[in-house]
PDB file of N, CA and C in Angstrom:
ATOM      1  N   MET A   1       0.723  -1.116  -0.128  1.00  0.00           N
ATOM      2  CA  MET A   1       0.089  -0.005  -0.129  1.00  0.00           C
ATOM      3  C   MET A   1       0.988   1.382  -0.062  1.00  0.00           C
ATOM      4  N   ALA A   2       1.904   1.088   0.756  1.00  0.00           N
ATOM      5  CA  ALA A   2       2.982   2.502   0.871  1.00  0.00           C
ATOM      6  C   ALA A   2       3.369   2.882  -0.426  1.00  0.00           C
ATOM      7  N   GLU A   3       3.809   1.540  -1.236  1.00  0.00           N
ATOM      8  CA  GLU A   3       4.438   1.766  -2.427  1.00  0.00           C
ATOM      9  C   GLU A   3       3.167   2.227  -3.449  1.00  0.00           C
ATOM     10  N   HIS A   4       2.192   2.070  -3.496  1.00  0.00           N
ATOM     11  CA  HIS A   4       1.233   2.714  -4.276  1.00  0.00           C
ATOM     12  C   HIS A   4       0.998   4.148  -4.018  1.00  0.00           C
ATOM     13  N   LYS A   5       0.846   4.681  -2.672  1.00  0.00           N
ATOM     14  CA  LYS A   5       1.126   5.720  -2.327  1.00  0.00           C
ATOM     15  C   LYS A   5       2.086   6.680  -2.750  1.00  0.00           C
ATOM     16  N   ARG A   6       3.266   6.101  -2.725  1.00  0.00           N
ATOM     17  CA  ARG A   6       4.605   6.819  -3.142  1.00  0.00           C
ATOM     18  C   ARG A   6       4.370   6.895  -4.579  1.00  0.00           C
ATOM     19  N   SER A   7       3.967   5.968  -5.663  1.00  0.00           N
ATOM     20  CA  SER A   7       3.815   6.185  -6.944  1.00  0.00           C
ATOM     21  C   SER A   7       2.825   7.314  -7.146  1.00  0.00           C
ATOM     22  N   VAL A   8       1.666   7.322  -6.699  1.00  0.00           N
ATOM     23  CA  VAL A   8       0.680   8.448  -6.613  1.00  0.00           C
ATOM     24  C   VAL A   8       1.504   9.727  -6.379  1.00  0.00           C
ATOM     25  N   GLU A   9       2.450   9.855  -5.330  1.00  0.00           N
ATOM     26  CA  GLU A   9       2.974  11.323  -5.009  1.00  0.00           C
ATOM     27  C   GLU A   9       3.811  11.507  -6.152  1.00  0.00           C
ATOM     28  N   VAL A  10       4.307  10.529  -6.611  1.00  0.00           N
ATOM     29  CA  VAL A  10       5.656  11.040  -7.765  1.00  0.00           C
ATOM     30  C   VAL A  10       4.798  11.270  -9.019  1.00  0.00           C
ATOM     31  N   MET A  11       3.672  10.823  -9.337  1.00  0.00           N
ATOM     32  CA  MET A  11       2.752  11.070 -10.322  1.00  0.00           C
ATOM     33  C   MET A  11       2.302  12.454 -10.111  1.00  0.00           C
ATOM     34  N   LEU A  12       1.600  13.013  -9.107  1.00  0.00           N
ATOM     35  CA  LEU A  12       1.251  14.217  -8.634  1.00  0.00           C
ATOM     36  C   LEU A  12       2.135  15.374  -8.664  1.00  0.00           C
ATOM     37  N   SER A  13       3.359  14.960  -8.548  1.00  0.00           N
ATOM     38  CA  SER A  13       4.335  16.122  -8.075  1.00  0.00           C
ATOM     39  C   SER A  13       4.760  16.810  -9.556  1.00  0.00           C
ATOM     40  N   GLN A  14       4.530  15.896 -10.678  1.00  0.00           N
ATOM     41  CA  GLN A  14       4.785  16.692 -12.065  1.00  0.00           C
ATOM     42  C   GLN A  14       3.584  17.706 -12.238  1.00  0.00           C
ATOM     43  N   TYR A  15       2.475  17.533 -11.645  1.00  0.00           N
ATOM     44  CA  TYR A  15       1.436  18.564 -12.104  1.00  0.00           C
ATOM     45  C   TYR A  15       1.095  19.571 -11.039  1.00  0.00           C
ATOM     46  N   ARG A  16       1.434  19.209  -9.809  1.00  0.00           N
ATOM     47  CA  ARG A  16       1.137  20.389  -8.790  1.00  0.00           C
ATOM     48  C   ARG A  16       1.610  21.872  -9.264  1.00  0.00           C
ATOM     49  N   GLU A  17       2.990  22.161  -9.455  1.00  0.00           N
ATOM     50  CA  GLU A  17       3.441  23.316  -9.924  1.00  0.00           C
ATOM     51  C   GLU A  17       2.671  23.714 -11.135  1.00  0.00           C
ATOM     52  N   LEU A  18       2.573  23.049 -11.882  1.00  0.00           N
ATOM     53  CA  LEU A  18       1.816  23.632 -13.329  1.00  0.00           C
ATOM     54  C   LEU A  18       0.555  24.084 -13.046  1.00  0.00           C
ATOM     55  N   ILE A  19      -0.344  23.254 -12.454  1.00  0.00           N
ATOM     56  CA  ILE A  19      -1.623  23.626 -12.198  1.00  0.00           C
ATOM     57  C   ILE A  19      -1.658  24.980 -11.251  1.00  0.00           C
ATOM     58  N   GLU A  20      -0.842  25.128 -10.201  1.00  0.00           N
ATOM     59  CA  GLU A  20      -0.818  25.978  -9.447  1.00  0.00           C
ATOM     60  C   GLU A  20      -0.580  27.357  -9.919  1.00  0.00           C
ATOM     61  N   ARG A  21       0.497  27.290 -11.074  1.00  0.00           N
ATOM     62  CA  ARG A  21       0.842  28.587 -11.819  1.00  0.00           C
ATOM     63  C   ARG A  21      -0.125  29.157 -12.477  1.00  0.00           C
ATOM     64  N   PHE A  22      -1.036  27.944 -13.046  1.00  0.00           N
ATOM     65  CA  PHE A  22      -2.124  28.341 -13.947  1.00  0.00           C
ATOM     66  C   PHE A  22      -3.327  28.978 -13.251  1.00  0.00           C
ATOM     67  N   VAL A  23      -3.449  28.421 -12.177  1.00  0.00           N
ATOM     68  CA  VAL A  23      -4.631  28.999 -11.111  1.00  0.00           C
ATOM     69  C   VAL A  23      -4.363  30.288 -10.701  1.00  0.00           C
ATOM     70  N   LYS A  24      -3.140  30.507 -10.361  1.00  0.00           N
ATOM     71  CA  LYS A  24      -2.628  31.867  -9.774  1.00  0.00           C
ATOM     72  C   LYS A  24      -2.366  32.931 -10.820  1.00  0.00           C
ATOM     73  N   GLU A  25      -2.631  32.462 -12.298  1.00  0.00           N
ATOM     74  CA  GLU A  25      -2.719  33.530 -13.233  1.00  0.00           C
ATOM     75  C   GLU A  25      -1.192  33.730 -13.635  1.00  0.00           C
ATOM     76  N   LYS A  26      -0.186  32.745 -13.302  1.00  0.00           N
ATOM     77  CA  LYS A  26       1.119  33.141 -13.671  1.00  0.00           C
ATOM     78  C   LYS A  26       1.532  32.821 -15.204  1.00  0.00           C
ATOM     79  N   ILE A  27       0.846  31.967 -15.712  1.00  0.00           N
ATOM     80  CA  ILE A  27       0.906  31.433 -16.876  1.00  0.00           C
ATOM     81  C   ILE A  27      -0.477  31.519 -17.780  1.00  0.00           C
ATOM     82  N   SER A  28      -0.599  31.643 -19.091  1.00  0.00           N
ATOM     83  CA  SER A  28      -1.981  31.952 -19.775  1.00  0.00           C
ATOM     84  C   SER A  28      -2.483  30.390 -19.912  1.00  0.00           C
ATOM     85  N   ALA A  29      -3.710  30.478 -20.496  1.00  0.00           N
ATOM     86  CA  ALA A  29      -4.455  29.165 -20.617  1.00  0.00           C
ATOM     87  C   ALA A  29      -3.627  28.565 -21.832  1.00  0.00           C
ATOM     88  N   ASP A  30      -3.339  29.388 -22.930  1.00  0.00           N
ATOM     89  CA  ASP A  30      -2.660  28.703 -23.906  1.00  0.00           C
ATOM     90  C   ASP A  30      -1.388  27.979 -23.600  1.00  0.00           C
ATOM     91  N   ASP A  31      -0.623  28.690 -22.562  1.00  0.00           N
ATOM     92  CA  ASP A  31       0.852  27.924 -22.158  1.00  0.00           C
ATOM     93  C   ASP A  31       0.224  26.658 -21.269  1.00  0.00           C
ATOM     94  N   PHE A  32      -0.591  26.967 -20.599  1.00  0.00           N
ATOM     95  CA  PHE A  32      -0.984  25.836 -19.634  1.00  0.00           C
ATOM     96  C   PHE A  32      -1.457  24.620 -20.609  1.00  0.00           C
ATOM     97  N   GLU A  33      -2.480  24.741 -21.465  1.00  0.00           N
ATOM     98  CA  GLU A  33      -2.718  23.713 -22.423  1.00  0.00           C
ATOM     99  C   GLU A  33      -1.507  23.021 -23.046  1.00  0.00           C
ATOM    100  N   GLU A  34      -0.623  23.822 -23.617  1.00  0.00           N
ATOM    101  CA  GLU A  34       0.598  23.217 -24.267  1.00  0.00           C
ATOM    102  C   GLU A  34       1.189  22.334 -23.166  1.00  0.00           C
ATOM    103  N   GLU A  35       1.525  22.893 -22.186  1.00  0.00           N
ATOM    104  CA  GLU A  35       2.438  22.193 -20.979  1.00  0.00           C
ATOM    105  C   GLU A  35       1.633  20.883 -20.431  1.00  0.00           C
ATOM    106  N   TYR A  36       0.344  21.135 -20.216  1.00  0.00           N
ATOM    107  CA  TYR A  36      -0.374  20.255 -19.531  1.00  0.00           C
ATOM    108  C   TYR A  36      -0.445  18.947 -20.551  1.00  0.00           C
ATOM    109  N   ILE A  37      -0.607  19.131 -22.012  1.00  0.00           N
ATOM    110  CA  ILE A  37      -0.996  18.230 -22.639  1.00  0.00           C
ATOM    111  C   ILE A  37       0.463  17.481 -22.836  1.00  0.00           C
ATOM    112  N   ARG A  38       1.504  18.041 -22.822  1.00  0.00           N
ATOM    113  CA  ARG A  38       2.918  17.568 -23.084  1.00  0.00           C
ATOM    114  C   ARG A  38       3.054  16.558 -21.707  1.00  0.00           C
ATOM    115  N   THR A  39       2.945  17.246 -20.661  1.00  0.00           N
ATOM    116  CA  THR A  39       3.187  16.642 -19.409  1.00  0.00           C
ATOM    117  C   THR A  39       2.364  15.219 -19.339  1.00  0.00           C
ATOM    118  N   PHE A  40       1.204  15.218 -19.546  1.00  0.00           N
ATOM    119  CA  PHE A  40       0.018  14.132 -19.486  1.00  0.00           C
ATOM    120  C   PHE A  40       0.336  12.987 -20.593  1.00  0.00           C
ATOM    121  N   THR A  41       0.531  13.470 -21.623  1.00  0.00           N
ATOM    122  CA  THR A  41       0.958  12.363 -22.719  1.00  0.00           C
ATOM    123  C   THR A  41       2.213  11.863 -22.631  1.00  0.00           C
ATOM    124  N   ASN A  42       3.184  12.396 -21.800  1.00  0.00           N
ATOM    125  CA  ASN A  42       4.388  11.826 -21.745  1.00  0.00           C
ATOM    126  C   ASN A  42       4.752  11.319 -20.544  1.00  0.00           C
ATOM    127  N   ASP A  43       3.716  11.270 -19.573  1.00  0.00           N
ATOM    128  CA  ASP A  43       3.767  10.898 -18.127  1.00  0.00           C
ATOM    129  C   ASP A  43       4.039   9.325 -17.938  1.00  0.00           C
ATOM    130  N   LYS A  44       5.155   8.967 -17.617  1.00  0.00           N
ATOM    131  CA  LYS A  44       5.491   7.530 -17.225  1.00  0.00           C
ATOM    132  C   LYS A  44       5.053   7.075 -15.992  1.00  0.00           C
ATOM    133  N   SER A  45       4.952   7.868 -15.114  1.00  0.00           N
ATOM    134  CA  SER A  45       4.631   7.519 -13.566  1.00  0.00           C
ATOM    135  C   SER A  45       3.142   7.549 -13.407  1.00  0.00           C
ATOM    136  N   GLN A  46       2.247   7.336 -14.309  1.00  0.00           N
ATOM    137  CA  GLN A  46       0.847   7.615 -14.167  1.00  0.00           C
ATOM    138  C   GLN A  46       0.382   5.925 -13.601  1.00  0.00           C
ATOM    139  N   VAL A  47      -0.388   6.052 -12.509  1.00  0.00           N
ATOM    140  CA  VAL A  47      -0.772   5.041 -11.773  1.00  0.00           C
ATOM    141  C   VAL A  47      -2.165   4.928 -11.884  1.00  0.00           C
ATOM    142  N   PRO A  48      -3.016   3.841 -11.840  1.00  0.00           N
ATOM    143  CA  PRO A  48      -4.496   3.888 -11.906  1.00  0.00           C
ATOM    144  C   PRO A  48      -4.968   4.254 -10.482  1.00  0.00           C
ATOM    145  N   GLY A  49      -6.232   4.876 -10.373  1.00  0.00           N
ATOM    146  CA  GLY A  49      -6.721   5.320  -9.096  1.00  0.00           C
ATOM    147  C   GLY A  49      -7.468   6.516  -9.272  1.00  0.00           C
ATOM    148  N   SER A  50      -7.901   7.143  -8.149  1.00  0.00           N
ATOM    149  CA  SER A  50      -8.797   8.202  -8.323  1.00  0.00           C
ATOM    150  C   SER A  50      -7.936   9.535  -8.606  1.00  0.00           C
ATOM    151  N   GLU A  51      -6.700   9.657  -8.202  1.00  0.00           N
ATOM    152  CA  GLU A  51      -5.962  10.657  -8.679  1.00  0.00           C
ATOM    153  C   GLU A  51      -5.751  10.765 -10.099  1.00  0.00           C
ATOM    154  N   PHE A  52      -5.480   9.699 -10.745  1.00  0.00           N
ATOM    155  CA  PHE A  52      -5.436   9.328 -12.104  1.00  0.00           C
ATOM    156  C   PHE A  52      -6.621   9.826 -12.807  1.00  0.00           C
ATOM    157  N   ILE A  53      -7.751   9.621 -12.182  1.00  0.00           N
ATOM    158  CA  ILE A  53      -9.068   9.899 -12.870  1.00  0.00           C
ATOM    159  C   ILE A  53      -9.258  11.444 -12.953  1.00  0.00           C
ATOM    160  N   VAL A  54      -8.958  12.130 -11.864  1.00  0.00           N
ATOM    161  CA  VAL A  54      -8.957  13.454 -11.720  1.00  0.00           C
ATOM    162  C   VAL A  54      -8.252  14.221 -12.608  1.00  0.00           C
ATOM    163  N   LEU A  55      -6.816  13.651 -12.873  1.00  0.00           N
ATOM    164  CA  LEU A  55      -5.877  14.172 -13.719  1.00  0.00           C
ATOM    165  C   LEU A  55      -6.407  14.049 -15.162  1.00  0.00           C
ATOM    166  N   GLU A  56      -6.945  13.025 -15.506  1.00  0.00           N
ATOM    167  CA  GLU A  56      -7.472  12.581 -16.784  1.00  0.00           C
ATOM    168  C   GLU A  56      -8.807  13.678 -16.996  1.00  0.00           C
ATOM    169  N   LYS A  57      -9.534  13.711 -16.172  1.00  0.00           N
ATOM    170  CA  LYS A  57     -10.491  14.572 -16.418  1.00  0.00           C
ATOM    171  C   LYS A  57     -10.362  16.045 -16.787  1.00  0.00           C
ATOM    172  N   LEU A  58      -9.149  16.579 -16.011  1.00  0.00           N
ATOM    173  CA  LEU A  58      -8.580  17.779 -16.290  1.00  0.00           C
ATOM    174  C   LEU A  58      -8.105  17.852 -17.788  1.00  0.00           C
ATOM    175  N   PHE A  59      -7.508  16.697 -18.123  1.00  0.00           N
ATOM    176  CA  PHE A  59      -6.748  16.528 -19.641  1.00  0.00           C
ATOM    177  C   PHE A  59      -7.863  16.729 -20.516  1.00  0.00           C
ATOM    178  N   PHE A  60      -9.098  16.182 -20.367  1.00  0.00           N
ATOM    179  CA  PHE A  60     -10.136  16.546 -21.239  1.00  0.00           C
ATOM    180  C   PHE A  60     -10.721  17.565 -21.325  1.00  0.00           C
ATOM    181  N   ASP A  61     -10.601  18.379 -20.161  1.00  0.00           N
ATOM    182  CA  ASP A  61     -10.982  19.862 -20.039  1.00  0.00           C
ATOM    183  C   ASP A  61     -10.053  20.558 -20.966  1.00  0.00           C
ATOM    184  N   VAL A  62      -8.727  20.130 -20.768  1.00  0.00           N
ATOM    185  CA  VAL A  62      -7.789  20.939 -21.566  1.00  0.00           C
ATOM    186  C   VAL A  62      -7.953  20.963 -22.982  1.00  0.00           C
ATOM    187  N   ASP A  63      -8.428  19.626 -23.231  1.00  0.00           N
ATOM    188  CA  ASP A  63      -8.537  19.404 -24.664  1.00  0.00           C
ATOM    189  C   ASP A  63      -9.945  20.258 -25.248  1.00  0.00           C
ATOM    190  N   ASP A  64     -10.694  20.460 -24.420  1.00  0.00           N
ATOM    191  CA  ASP A  64     -11.883  21.131 -24.723  1.00  0.00           C
ATOM    192  C   ASP A  64     -11.646  22.737 -24.852  1.00  0.00           C
ATOM    193  N   TYR A  65     -10.684  23.131 -24.501  1.00  0.00           N
ATOM    194  CA  TYR A  65     -10.246  24.676 -24.451  1.00  0.00           C
ATOM    195  C   TYR A  65      -9.895  25.040 -25.855  1.00  0.00           C
ATOM    196  N   VAL A  66     -10.629  26.283 -26.148  1.00  0.00           N
ATOM    197  CA  VAL A  66     -10.607  26.859 -27.461  1.00  0.00           C
ATOM    198  C   VAL A  66     -10.253  28.397 -27.208  1.00  0.00           C
ATOM    199  N   SER A  67      -9.226  28.835 -27.505  1.00  0.00           N
ATOM    200  CA  SER A  67      -8.612  30.126 -27.054  1.00  0.00           C
ATOM    201  C   SER A  67      -9.208  31.109 -27.865  1.00  0.00           C
ATOM    202  N   ASP A  68     -10.047  30.847 -29.120  1.00  0.00           N
ATOM    203  CA  ASP A  68     -10.590  32.056 -29.974  1.00  0.00           C
ATOM    204  C   ASP A  68     -11.706  31.730 -29.758  1.00  0.00           C
ATOM    205  N   PRO A  69     -12.583  32.789 -29.087  1.00  0.00           N
ATOM    206  CA  PRO A  69     -14.169  32.868 -28.858  1.00  0.00           C
ATOM    207  C   PRO A  69     -14.737  32.719 -30.104  1.00  0.00           C
ATOM    208  N   VAL A  70     -14.177  33.005 -31.150  1.00  0.00           N
ATOM    209  CA  VAL A  70     -15.066  32.864 -32.408  1.00  0.00           C
ATOM    210  C   VAL A  70     -15.370  31.486 -32.741  1.00  0.00           C
ATOM    211  N   LEU A  71     -14.017  30.653 -32.477  1.00  0.00           N
ATOM    212  CA  LEU A  71     -14.252  29.247 -32.662  1.00  0.00           C
ATOM    213  C   LEU A  71     -14.898  28.256 -31.854  1.00  0.00           C
ATOM    214  N   ARG A  72     -15.364  28.933 -30.827  1.00  0.00           N
ATOM    215  CA  ARG A  72     -16.046  28.067 -29.684  1.00  0.00           C
ATOM    216  C   ARG A  72     -17.468  28.112 -29.903  1.00  0.00           C
ATOM    217  N   ASP A  73     -17.785  26.954 -30.565  1.00  0.00           N
ATOM    218  CA  ASP A  73     -19.069  26.751 -31.308  1.00  0.00           C
ATOM    219  C   ASP A  73     -19.934  25.601 -30.580  1.00  0.00           C
ATOM    220  N   SER A  74     -19.237  24.855 -29.962  1.00  0.00           N
ATOM    221  CA  SER A  74     -19.821  23.738 -29.207  1.00  0.00           C
ATOM    222  C   SER A  74     -19.957  23.854 -27.739  1.00  0.00           C
ATOM    223  N   PRO A  75     -21.033  23.343 -27.149  1.00  0.00           N
ATOM    224  CA  PRO A  75     -21.532  23.437 -25.755  1.00  0.00           C
ATOM    225  C   PRO A  75     -20.120  23.088 -24.819  1.00  0.00           C
ATOM    226  N   GLU A  76     -19.454  22.257 -25.134  1.00  0.00           N
ATOM    227  CA  GLU A  76     -18.233  21.645 -24.608  1.00  0.00           C
ATOM    228  C   GLU A  76     -17.097  22.396 -24.413  1.00  0.00           C
ATOM    229  N   ASP A  77     -16.867  23.330 -25.558  1.00  0.00           N
ATOM    230  CA  ASP A  77     -15.720  24.109 -25.748  1.00  0.00           C
ATOM    231  C   ASP A  77     -15.602  25.180 -24.400  1.00  0.00           C
ATOM    232  N   LEU A  78     -14.372  25.205 -24.007  1.00  0.00           N
ATOM    233  CA  LEU A  78     -14.088  25.937 -22.827  1.00  0.00           C
ATOM    234  C   LEU A  78     -13.258  27.270 -22.974  1.00  0.00           C
ATOM    235  N   SER A  79     -13.537  28.310 -22.233  1.00  0.00           N
ATOM    236  CA  SER A  79     -12.936  29.584 -22.347  1.00  0.00           C
ATOM    237  C   SER A  79     -11.446  29.285 -21.412  1.00  0.00           C
ATOM    238  N   GLY A  80     -10.543  30.263 -21.422  1.00  0.00           N
ATOM    239  CA  GLY A  80      -9.533  30.340 -20.620  1.00  0.00           C
ATOM    240  C   GLY A  80      -9.898  30.371 -19.145  1.00  0.00           C
ATOM    241  N   GLU A  81     -10.983  31.344 -18.817  1.00  0.00           N
ATOM    242  CA  GLU A  81     -11.409  31.372 -17.607  1.00  0.00           C
ATOM    243  C   GLU A  81     -12.196  30.218 -17.065  1.00  0.00           C
ATOM    244  N   GLN A  82     -13.115  29.389 -17.850  1.00  0.00           N
ATOM    245  CA  GLN A  82     -13.696  28.264 -17.400  1.00  0.00           C
ATOM    246  C   GLN A  82     -12.623  27.110 -17.373  1.00  0.00           C
ATOM    247  N   LEU A  83     -11.530  26.958 -18.045  1.00  0.00           N
ATOM    248  CA  LEU A  83     -10.470  26.033 -17.950  1.00  0.00           C
ATOM    249  C   LEU A  83      -9.648  26.417 -16.546  1.00  0.00           C
ATOM    250  N   ARG A  84      -9.540  27.636 -16.210  1.00  0.00           N
ATOM    251  CA  ARG A  84      -8.798  27.973 -14.978  1.00  0.00           C
ATOM    252  C   ARG A  84      -9.760  27.574 -13.700  1.00  0.00           C
ATOM    253  N   GLU A  85     -10.960  27.694 -13.863  1.00  0.00           N
ATOM    254  CA  GLU A  85     -12.014  27.227 -12.825  1.00  0.00           C
ATOM    255  C   GLU A  85     -11.868  25.844 -12.692  1.00  0.00           C
ATOM    256  N   ARG A  86     -11.902  24.968 -13.738  1.00  0.00           N
ATOM    257  CA  ARG A  86     -11.789  23.428 -13.726  1.00  0.00           C
ATOM    258  C   ARG A  86     -10.367  23.187 -13.057  1.00  0.00           C
ATOM    259  N   ALA A  87      -9.245  23.818 -13.410  1.00  0.00           N
ATOM    260  CA  ALA A  87      -8.039  23.577 -12.846  1.00  0.00           C
ATOM    261  C   ALA A  87      -8.135  23.830 -11.473  1.00  0.00           C
ATOM    262  N   ALA A  88      -8.604  24.870 -11.028  1.00  0.00           N
ATOM    263  CA  ALA A  88      -8.482  25.285  -9.537  1.00  0.00           C
ATOM    264  C   ALA A  88      -9.303  24.243  -8.634  1.00  0.00           C
ATOM    265  N   ALA A  89     -10.441  23.631  -9.311  1.00  0.00           N
ATOM    266  CA  ALA A  89     -11.336  22.411  -8.832  1.00  0.00           C
ATOM    267  C   ALA A  89     -10.402  21.141  -8.552  1.00  0.00           C
ATOM    268  N   THR A  90      -9.644  21.036  -9.772  1.00  0.00           N
ATOM    269  CA  THR A  90      -8.808  19.855  -9.673  1.00  0.00           C
ATOM    270  C   THR A  90      -7.682  19.862  -8.634  1.00  0.00           C
ATOM    271  N   TYR A  91      -7.033  21.161  -8.638  1.00  0.00           N
ATOM    272  CA  TYR A  91      -5.957  21.265  -7.625  1.00  0.00           C
ATOM    273  C   TYR A  91      -6.412  21.351  -6.186  1.00  0.00           C
ATOM    274  N   SER A  92      -7.719  21.724  -5.933  1.00  0.00           N
ATOM    275  CA  SER A  92      -8.281  21.537  -4.773  1.00  0.00           C
ATOM    276  C   SER A  92      -8.500  20.033  -4.381  1.00  0.00           C
ATOM    277  N   LYS A  93      -9.099  19.265  -5.273  1.00  0.00           N
ATOM    278  CA  LYS A  93      -9.326  17.885  -4.973  1.00  0.00           C
ATOM    279  C   LYS A  93      -8.080  16.990  -4.890  1.00  0.00           C
ATOM    280  N   LEU A  94      -6.822  17.508  -5.532  1.00  0.00           N
ATOM    281  CA  LEU A  94      -5.635  16.739  -5.527  1.00  0.00           C
ATOM    282  C   LEU A  94      -4.855  17.362  -4.264  1.00  0.00           C
ATOM    283  N   PHE A  95      -4.591  18.384  -3.944  1.00  0.00           N
ATOM    284  CA  PHE A  95      -3.794  19.025  -3.061  1.00  0.00           C
ATOM    285  C   PHE A  95      -4.313  19.756  -1.826  1.00  0.00           C
ATOM    286  N   GLY A  96      -5.776  19.834  -1.953  1.00  0.00           N
ATOM    287  CA  GLY A  96      -6.349  20.642  -0.720  1.00  0.00           C
ATOM    288  C   GLY A  96      -5.904  22.180  -1.248  1.00  0.00           C
ATOM    289  N   LEU A  97      -6.622  22.995  -0.397  1.00  0.00           N
ATOM    290  CA  LEU A  97      -6.408  24.474  -0.810  1.00  0.00           C
ATOM    291  C   LEU A  97      -5.084  24.951   0.075  1.00  0.00           C
ATOM    292  N   ASP A  98      -4.623  25.833  -0.842  1.00  0.00           N
ATOM    293  CA  ASP A  98      -3.292  26.583  -0.411  1.00  0.00           C
ATOM    294  C   ASP A  98      -3.616  27.640   0.274  1.00  0.00           C
TER     295      ASP A  98
END
């Protein structure tokens, strides 16, 4: 069990600073989109479980982000502010409130 917990911590450590920087508006939604997709798709430390499901849900949210308001033509399309709200909720679920 301790091994699984350690694996989850290793996985989450890659995302904590990235999500936090975005939530605190230190990076743009476009930069967050690019970094999150790169991190998630190249993540060799992913382990099954509730934390992964939360990260995967944010990945799908990132995928639904459309920076150009003119191109947001689907109800699933997210603005930068909506994506930031989803990221903040994810951060809260995974790391608690800072």
